[in-house]
Amino acid sequence: MRNTARWAATLALTATAVCGPLTGAALADPAAAPASLYAPSALVLTLGHGNSAATATPLRAVTLSCAPTASGTHPAAALACAELRSAAGDFDALWARDDALCTRLYDPVVVTVDGVWQGKRVSYERTFSNECVKNSYGTSVFTF
């Protein structure tokens, strides 16, 4: 019985000596661990009346975060994130709906997007001839 106790104590000390430094190294520097497994995707979208962002009268602004889940103040965050993923974050690749019927009234609105998409800095500006034309692009990304 004394040999069994000695072997158990020896095994426990050996396990502690071998595995102890491994667990300590993992816990030693929590800053070295990544904060998230997802690349950041957080955007601020703004809308204003005018020909450019520099001269536009601001109307609305929303936030859109797409990683790890869709969130923000955008009214259709999940749909907007899905559309941006399918376009690989390229706002120029967003398409106009075929069923949109808009007047030719020229009342320019400008949309700006600033932030980060999948870890890369994004700065985008686009002027639409009127609000109807803006709403026809990207189905939900620019509809806010």
N, C-alpha and C. Protein backbone atom coordinates (compact mmCIF):
# COMPACT_ATOMS: atom_id res chain seq x y z
N MET A 1 0.81 -1.18 0.00
CA MET A 1 0.00 0.00 0.00
C MET A 1 0.86 1.26 0.00
N ARG A 2 2.01 1.21 0.70
CA ARG A 2 2.89 2.36 0.72
C ARG A 2 3.45 2.63 -0.66
N ASN A 3 3.74 1.59 -1.44
CA ASN A 3 4.26 1.78 -2.80
C ASN A 3 3.21 2.43 -3.70
N THR A 4 1.95 2.09 -3.53
CA THR A 4 0.87 2.68 -4.33
C THR A 4 0.75 4.17 -4.05
N ALA A 5 0.86 4.55 -2.79
CA ALA A 5 0.78 5.97 -2.43
C ALA A 5 1.97 6.73 -2.99
N ARG A 6 3.17 6.11 -2.94
CA ARG A 6 4.36 6.75 -3.50
C ARG A 6 4.23 6.94 -5.00
N TRP A 7 3.75 5.91 -5.69
CA TRP A 7 3.58 6.01 -7.14
C TRP A 7 2.54 7.08 -7.50
N ALA A 8 1.47 7.17 -6.76
CA ALA A 8 0.43 8.18 -7.02
C ALA A 8 1.00 9.58 -6.82
N ALA A 9 1.77 9.77 -5.74
CA ALA A 9 2.37 11.07 -5.46
C ALA A 9 3.40 11.43 -6.53
N THR A 10 4.20 10.45 -6.96
CA THR A 10 5.20 10.69 -7.99
C THR A 10 4.55 11.05 -9.31
N LEU A 11 3.51 10.33 -9.66
CA LEU A 11 2.78 10.61 -10.90
C LEU A 11 2.15 12.00 -10.87
N ALA A 12 1.57 12.38 -9.74
CA ALA A 12 0.94 13.70 -9.62
C ALA A 12 1.99 14.81 -9.73
N LEU A 13 3.13 14.64 -9.08
CA LEU A 13 4.19 15.66 -9.16
C LEU A 13 4.77 15.75 -10.56
N THR A 14 4.93 14.61 -11.23
CA THR A 14 5.45 14.61 -12.59
C THR A 14 4.48 15.31 -13.54
N ALA A 15 3.20 15.01 -13.40
CA ALA A 15 2.19 15.65 -14.25
C ALA A 15 2.18 17.15 -14.03
N THR A 16 2.32 17.57 -12.77
CA THR A 16 2.34 19.00 -12.47
C THR A 16 3.58 19.66 -13.06
N ALA A 17 4.72 18.98 -12.95
CA ALA A 17 5.96 19.55 -13.45
C ALA A 17 5.96 19.67 -14.97
N VAL A 18 5.36 18.68 -15.65
CA VAL A 18 5.35 18.69 -17.11
C VAL A 18 4.26 19.61 -17.67
N CYS A 19 3.06 19.51 -17.14
CA CYS A 19 1.93 20.25 -17.69
C CYS A 19 1.78 21.65 -17.11
N GLY A 20 2.32 21.90 -15.94
CA GLY A 20 2.18 23.20 -15.28
C GLY A 20 2.68 24.35 -16.13
N PRO A 21 3.91 24.29 -16.66
CA PRO A 21 4.39 25.40 -17.49
C PRO A 21 3.57 25.62 -18.76
N LEU A 22 2.98 24.56 -19.28
CA LEU A 22 2.17 24.71 -20.49
C LEU A 22 0.92 25.54 -20.22
N THR A 23 0.24 25.27 -19.11
CA THR A 23 -0.96 26.04 -18.80
C THR A 23 -0.62 27.44 -18.37
N GLY A 24 0.49 27.62 -17.68
CA GLY A 24 0.91 28.95 -17.24
C GLY A 24 1.25 29.85 -18.42
N ALA A 25 1.86 29.30 -19.45
CA ALA A 25 2.22 30.11 -20.62
C ALA A 25 0.97 30.59 -21.34
N ALA A 26 -0.06 29.77 -21.37
CA ALA A 26 -1.28 30.16 -22.06
C ALA A 26 -2.00 31.27 -21.31
N LEU A 27 -1.88 31.27 -19.99
CA LEU A 27 -2.58 32.27 -19.20
C LEU A 27 -1.71 33.49 -18.89
N ALA A 28 -0.42 33.41 -19.18
CA ALA A 28 0.49 34.47 -18.79
C ALA A 28 0.21 35.78 -19.51
N ASP A 29 -0.13 35.76 -20.81
CA ASP A 29 -0.32 36.98 -21.58
C ASP A 29 -1.68 36.98 -22.27
N PRO A 30 -2.73 37.45 -21.56
CA PRO A 30 -4.06 37.46 -22.19
C PRO A 30 -4.15 38.42 -23.37
N ALA A 31 -3.26 39.40 -23.45
CA ALA A 31 -3.29 40.34 -24.58
C ALA A 31 -2.85 39.67 -25.87
N ALA A 32 -2.10 38.57 -25.76
CA ALA A 32 -1.64 37.87 -26.95
C ALA A 32 -2.76 37.09 -27.62
N ALA A 33 -3.81 36.78 -26.88
CA ALA A 33 -4.94 36.05 -27.45
C ALA A 33 -5.78 36.99 -28.30
N PRO A 34 -6.30 36.52 -29.45
CA PRO A 34 -7.14 37.40 -30.27
C PRO A 34 -8.46 37.71 -29.57
N ALA A 35 -8.95 38.92 -29.75
CA ALA A 35 -10.20 39.33 -29.12
C ALA A 35 -11.39 38.66 -29.77
N SER A 36 -11.28 38.35 -31.04
CA SER A 36 -12.39 37.75 -31.77
C SER A 36 -11.83 36.93 -32.93
N LEU A 37 -12.59 35.94 -33.34
CA LEU A 37 -12.19 35.13 -34.48
C LEU A 37 -12.61 35.77 -35.79
N TYR A 38 -13.36 36.87 -35.73
CA TYR A 38 -13.89 37.52 -36.91
C TYR A 38 -13.14 38.83 -37.17
N ALA A 39 -12.90 39.11 -38.44
CA ALA A 39 -12.34 40.41 -38.79
C ALA A 39 -13.41 41.47 -38.55
N PRO A 40 -13.05 42.62 -38.04
CA PRO A 40 -14.07 43.63 -37.74
C PRO A 40 -14.75 44.15 -38.99
N SER A 41 -16.04 44.35 -38.87
CA SER A 41 -16.85 44.95 -39.93
C SER A 41 -17.84 45.90 -39.27
N ALA A 42 -17.47 47.14 -39.15
CA ALA A 42 -18.31 48.15 -38.52
C ALA A 42 -18.31 49.40 -39.38
N LEU A 43 -19.50 49.82 -39.78
CA LEU A 43 -19.64 50.93 -40.73
C LEU A 43 -20.59 51.99 -40.19
N VAL A 44 -20.37 53.23 -40.62
CA VAL A 44 -21.30 54.32 -40.38
C VAL A 44 -21.76 54.81 -41.74
N LEU A 45 -23.06 54.74 -41.98
CA LEU A 45 -23.65 55.18 -43.25
C LEU A 45 -24.40 56.47 -42.99
N THR A 46 -24.18 57.48 -43.84
CA THR A 46 -24.89 58.75 -43.69
C THR A 46 -25.61 59.11 -44.98
N LEU A 47 -26.63 59.91 -44.83
CA LEU A 47 -27.44 60.36 -45.97
C LEU A 47 -27.63 61.86 -45.85
N GLY A 48 -27.49 62.56 -46.97
CA GLY A 48 -27.70 64.00 -46.97
C GLY A 48 -28.19 64.47 -48.32
N HIS A 49 -28.81 65.67 -48.34
CA HIS A 49 -29.26 66.29 -49.59
C HIS A 49 -28.14 67.16 -50.12
N GLY A 50 -27.79 66.94 -51.39
CA GLY A 50 -26.75 67.74 -52.02
C GLY A 50 -25.98 66.93 -53.03
N ASN A 51 -25.03 67.58 -53.70
CA ASN A 51 -24.25 66.93 -54.75
C ASN A 51 -23.03 66.20 -54.22
N SER A 52 -22.54 66.57 -53.05
CA SER A 52 -21.37 65.91 -52.48
C SER A 52 -21.48 65.93 -50.95
N ALA A 53 -20.69 65.10 -50.31
CA ALA A 53 -20.73 65.04 -48.86
C ALA A 53 -20.27 66.34 -48.23
N ALA A 54 -19.37 67.04 -48.90
CA ALA A 54 -18.84 68.29 -48.37
C ALA A 54 -19.89 69.39 -48.31
N THR A 55 -20.84 69.38 -49.26
CA THR A 55 -21.85 70.44 -49.32
C THR A 55 -23.25 69.96 -48.94
N ALA A 56 -23.41 68.69 -48.64
CA ALA A 56 -24.74 68.13 -48.37
C ALA A 56 -25.26 68.54 -47.01
N THR A 57 -26.58 68.67 -46.93
CA THR A 57 -27.25 68.89 -45.66
C THR A 57 -27.53 67.51 -45.06
N PRO A 58 -26.94 67.19 -43.90
CA PRO A 58 -27.12 65.85 -43.34
C PRO A 58 -28.56 65.60 -42.91
N LEU A 59 -29.03 64.39 -43.20
CA LEU A 59 -30.39 64.00 -42.83
C LEU A 59 -30.40 62.86 -41.81
N ARG A 60 -29.68 61.79 -42.10
CA ARG A 60 -29.70 60.61 -41.23
C ARG A 60 -28.32 59.96 -41.20
N ALA A 61 -28.10 59.19 -40.15
CA ALA A 61 -26.90 58.37 -40.03
C ALA A 61 -27.27 57.09 -39.29
N VAL A 62 -26.72 55.98 -39.74
CA VAL A 62 -26.95 54.69 -39.08
C VAL A 62 -25.62 53.96 -38.94
N THR A 63 -25.60 53.00 -38.03
CA THR A 63 -24.42 52.14 -37.87
C THR A 63 -24.77 50.75 -38.33
N LEU A 64 -23.76 50.04 -38.82
CA LEU A 64 -23.95 48.67 -39.29
C LEU A 64 -22.71 47.87 -38.93
N SER A 65 -22.92 46.83 -38.15
CA SER A 65 -21.83 45.92 -37.78
C SER A 65 -22.22 44.53 -38.26
N CYS A 66 -21.30 43.86 -38.95
CA CYS A 66 -21.64 42.58 -39.57
C CYS A 66 -20.88 41.39 -39.00
N ALA A 67 -20.02 41.57 -38.02
CA ALA A 67 -19.28 40.43 -37.48
C ALA A 67 -19.29 40.50 -35.97
N PRO A 68 -19.59 39.45 -35.29
CA PRO A 68 -19.93 38.12 -35.76
C PRO A 68 -21.38 37.99 -36.23
N THR A 69 -22.25 38.88 -35.75
CA THR A 69 -23.63 38.87 -36.23
C THR A 69 -24.01 40.29 -36.64
N ALA A 70 -25.06 40.39 -37.42
CA ALA A 70 -25.53 41.69 -37.89
C ALA A 70 -26.16 42.47 -36.73
N SER A 71 -25.74 43.72 -36.59
CA SER A 71 -26.30 44.57 -35.54
C SER A 71 -26.10 46.03 -35.94
N GLY A 72 -26.59 46.91 -35.12
CA GLY A 72 -26.46 48.34 -35.36
C GLY A 72 -27.81 49.00 -35.45
N THR A 73 -27.82 50.27 -35.82
CA THR A 73 -29.07 51.01 -35.92
C THR A 73 -29.68 50.96 -37.31
N HIS A 74 -29.02 50.28 -38.24
CA HIS A 74 -29.58 50.12 -39.59
C HIS A 74 -30.89 49.34 -39.48
N PRO A 75 -31.96 49.80 -40.14
CA PRO A 75 -33.26 49.13 -39.99
C PRO A 75 -33.32 47.70 -40.53
N ALA A 76 -32.45 47.35 -41.46
CA ALA A 76 -32.41 45.98 -42.01
C ALA A 76 -30.97 45.48 -41.97
N ALA A 77 -30.41 45.41 -40.78
CA ALA A 77 -28.99 45.08 -40.62
C ALA A 77 -28.63 43.71 -41.20
N ALA A 78 -29.46 42.70 -40.95
CA ALA A 78 -29.15 41.35 -41.44
C ALA A 78 -29.14 41.30 -42.97
N LEU A 79 -30.12 41.91 -43.60
CA LEU A 79 -30.17 41.93 -45.06
C LEU A 79 -29.03 42.75 -45.66
N ALA A 80 -28.72 43.88 -45.05
CA ALA A 80 -27.64 44.72 -45.54
C ALA A 80 -26.30 43.98 -45.44
N CYS A 81 -26.07 43.28 -44.35
CA CYS A 81 -24.82 42.52 -44.19
C CYS A 81 -24.74 41.39 -45.21
N ALA A 82 -25.85 40.72 -45.45
CA ALA A 82 -25.87 39.64 -46.44
C ALA A 82 -25.56 40.17 -47.83
N GLU A 83 -26.12 41.33 -48.18
CA GLU A 83 -25.85 41.93 -49.49
C GLU A 83 -24.39 42.35 -49.62
N LEU A 84 -23.84 42.92 -48.56
CA LEU A 84 -22.43 43.33 -48.61
C LEU A 84 -21.50 42.12 -48.70
N ARG A 85 -21.84 41.04 -48.01
CA ARG A 85 -21.03 39.83 -48.12
C ARG A 85 -21.07 39.28 -49.54
N SER A 86 -22.25 39.28 -50.16
CA SER A 86 -22.36 38.74 -51.52
C SER A 86 -21.63 39.63 -52.53
N ALA A 87 -21.48 40.92 -52.22
CA ALA A 87 -20.75 41.83 -53.10
C ALA A 87 -19.29 41.97 -52.67
N ALA A 88 -18.85 41.17 -51.72
CA ALA A 88 -17.47 41.20 -51.19
C ALA A 88 -17.10 42.59 -50.66
N GLY A 89 -18.08 43.30 -50.12
CA GLY A 89 -17.84 44.61 -49.55
C GLY A 89 -17.66 45.73 -50.56
N ASP A 90 -17.91 45.44 -51.83
CA ASP A 90 -17.77 46.45 -52.89
C ASP A 90 -19.10 47.16 -53.09
N PHE A 91 -19.18 48.40 -52.64
CA PHE A 91 -20.44 49.15 -52.73
C PHE A 91 -20.82 49.46 -54.16
N ASP A 92 -19.84 49.59 -55.05
CA ASP A 92 -20.14 49.83 -56.46
C ASP A 92 -20.75 48.60 -57.12
N ALA A 93 -20.56 47.43 -56.54
CA ALA A 93 -21.09 46.20 -57.11
C ALA A 93 -22.56 45.97 -56.73
N LEU A 94 -23.10 46.79 -55.84
CA LEU A 94 -24.52 46.64 -55.49
C LEU A 94 -25.36 47.05 -56.69
N TRP A 95 -26.35 46.30 -56.95
CA TRP A 95 -27.14 46.46 -58.18
C TRP A 95 -28.45 47.20 -57.91
N ALA A 96 -28.99 47.76 -58.97
CA ALA A 96 -30.30 48.41 -58.90
C ALA A 96 -31.37 47.36 -59.18
N ARG A 97 -32.47 47.46 -58.45
CA ARG A 97 -33.58 46.54 -58.68
C ARG A 97 -34.21 46.83 -60.03
N ASP A 98 -34.71 45.79 -60.67
CA ASP A 98 -35.35 45.96 -61.97
C ASP A 98 -36.76 46.52 -61.86
N ASP A 99 -37.40 46.33 -60.71
CA ASP A 99 -38.81 46.71 -60.57
C ASP A 99 -38.99 48.15 -60.06
N ALA A 100 -37.92 48.89 -59.87
CA ALA A 100 -38.04 50.25 -59.34
C ALA A 100 -38.41 51.23 -60.47
N LEU A 101 -39.45 52.00 -60.23
CA LEU A 101 -39.88 53.03 -61.17
C LEU A 101 -39.70 54.39 -60.49
N CYS A 102 -38.75 55.17 -60.98
CA CYS A 102 -38.45 56.46 -60.37
C CYS A 102 -38.65 57.58 -61.38
N THR A 103 -39.00 58.74 -60.86
CA THR A 103 -39.15 59.92 -61.72
C THR A 103 -37.77 60.46 -62.08
N ARG A 104 -37.73 61.38 -63.02
CA ARG A 104 -36.47 61.98 -63.43
C ARG A 104 -36.20 63.29 -62.68
N LEU A 105 -36.94 63.52 -61.62
CA LEU A 105 -36.75 64.72 -60.81
C LEU A 105 -35.33 64.71 -60.24
N TYR A 106 -34.61 65.82 -60.44
CA TYR A 106 -33.25 65.91 -59.93
C TYR A 106 -33.28 66.59 -58.56
N ASP A 107 -33.15 65.78 -57.54
CA ASP A 107 -33.09 66.24 -56.15
C ASP A 107 -32.00 65.40 -55.49
N PRO A 108 -30.73 65.73 -55.72
CA PRO A 108 -29.63 64.83 -55.37
C PRO A 108 -29.53 64.51 -53.88
N VAL A 109 -29.23 63.24 -53.63
CA VAL A 109 -28.94 62.77 -52.28
C VAL A 109 -27.58 62.07 -52.33
N VAL A 110 -26.81 62.24 -51.28
CA VAL A 110 -25.48 61.64 -51.23
C VAL A 110 -25.41 60.69 -50.04
N VAL A 111 -24.83 59.52 -50.29
CA VAL A 111 -24.63 58.51 -49.26
C VAL A 111 -23.13 58.37 -49.03
N THR A 112 -22.72 58.35 -47.77
CA THR A 112 -21.32 58.09 -47.45
C THR A 112 -21.25 56.87 -46.53
N VAL A 113 -20.17 56.15 -46.66
CA VAL A 113 -19.90 54.99 -45.81
C VAL A 113 -18.46 55.12 -45.33
N ASP A 114 -18.28 55.07 -44.03
CA ASP A 114 -16.95 55.11 -43.43
C ASP A 114 -16.86 54.04 -42.36
N GLY A 115 -15.72 53.40 -42.27
CA GLY A 115 -15.51 52.39 -41.25
C GLY A 115 -14.56 51.31 -41.69
N VAL A 116 -14.84 50.09 -41.26
CA VAL A 116 -13.99 48.94 -41.53
C VAL A 116 -14.87 47.81 -42.05
N TRP A 117 -14.45 47.20 -43.16
CA TRP A 117 -15.14 46.02 -43.69
C TRP A 117 -14.14 44.88 -43.74
N GLN A 118 -14.40 43.85 -42.96
CA GLN A 118 -13.56 42.66 -42.84
C GLN A 118 -12.09 43.03 -42.65
N GLY A 119 -11.87 43.97 -41.74
CA GLY A 119 -10.52 44.36 -41.36
C GLY A 119 -9.88 45.40 -42.24
N LYS A 120 -10.54 45.84 -43.30
CA LYS A 120 -9.95 46.84 -44.21
C LYS A 120 -10.73 48.15 -44.12
N ARG A 121 -10.01 49.26 -44.13
CA ARG A 121 -10.61 50.58 -44.05
C ARG A 121 -11.45 50.86 -45.29
N VAL A 122 -12.65 51.42 -45.06
CA VAL A 122 -13.58 51.72 -46.14
C VAL A 122 -13.99 53.19 -46.06
N SER A 123 -13.96 53.86 -47.20
CA SER A 123 -14.48 55.21 -47.32
C SER A 123 -15.14 55.30 -48.70
N TYR A 124 -16.44 55.55 -48.71
CA TYR A 124 -17.21 55.49 -49.95
C TYR A 124 -18.19 56.66 -49.98
N GLU A 125 -18.36 57.24 -51.15
CA GLU A 125 -19.34 58.31 -51.34
C GLU A 125 -20.01 58.12 -52.69
N ARG A 126 -21.32 58.27 -52.71
CA ARG A 126 -22.05 58.15 -53.97
C ARG A 126 -23.23 59.11 -53.96
N THR A 127 -23.41 59.81 -55.08
CA THR A 127 -24.53 60.74 -55.23
C THR A 127 -25.55 60.12 -56.18
N PHE A 128 -26.80 60.12 -55.72
CA PHE A 128 -27.92 59.61 -56.53
C PHE A 128 -28.77 60.79 -56.97
N SER A 129 -29.43 60.65 -58.10
CA SER A 129 -30.22 61.77 -58.63
C SER A 129 -31.42 62.12 -57.75
N ASN A 130 -31.98 61.14 -57.03
CA ASN A 130 -33.05 61.41 -56.07
C ASN A 130 -33.17 60.22 -55.09
N GLU A 131 -34.00 60.36 -54.12
CA GLU A 131 -34.15 59.35 -53.07
C GLU A 131 -34.66 58.01 -53.62
N CYS A 132 -35.54 58.05 -54.60
CA CYS A 132 -36.06 56.82 -55.20
C CYS A 132 -34.95 56.02 -55.87
N VAL A 133 -34.08 56.68 -56.59
CA VAL A 133 -32.96 56.00 -57.24
C VAL A 133 -32.04 55.40 -56.20
N LYS A 134 -31.79 56.14 -55.12
CA LYS A 134 -30.95 55.62 -54.03
C LYS A 134 -31.56 54.36 -53.44
N ASN A 135 -32.85 54.37 -53.20
CA ASN A 135 -33.51 53.21 -52.60
C ASN A 135 -33.54 52.00 -53.54
N SER A 136 -33.36 52.22 -54.83
CA SER A 136 -33.38 51.10 -55.76
C SER A 136 -32.04 50.34 -55.79
N TYR A 137 -30.97 50.94 -55.24
CA TYR A 137 -29.67 50.30 -55.24
C TYR A 137 -29.46 49.49 -53.98
N GLY A 138 -28.96 48.28 -54.15
CA GLY A 138 -28.58 47.46 -53.03
C GLY A 138 -29.73 46.98 -52.19
N THR A 139 -30.91 47.15 -52.64
CA THR A 139 -32.14 46.73 -51.98
C THR A 139 -32.26 47.24 -50.55
N SER A 140 -31.32 46.92 -49.67
CA SER A 140 -31.47 47.36 -48.29
C SER A 140 -30.25 48.09 -47.72
N VAL A 141 -29.10 48.00 -48.33
CA VAL A 141 -27.91 48.64 -47.77
C VAL A 141 -28.11 50.15 -47.67
N PHE A 142 -28.59 50.78 -48.73
CA PHE A 142 -28.77 52.22 -48.73
C PHE A 142 -30.17 52.67 -48.30
N THR A 143 -31.02 51.73 -47.91
CA THR A 143 -32.38 52.07 -47.50
C THR A 143 -32.41 52.24 -45.99
N PHE A 144 -32.25 53.47 -45.56
CA PHE A 144 -32.32 53.78 -44.12
C PHE A 144 -32.84 55.18 -43.92
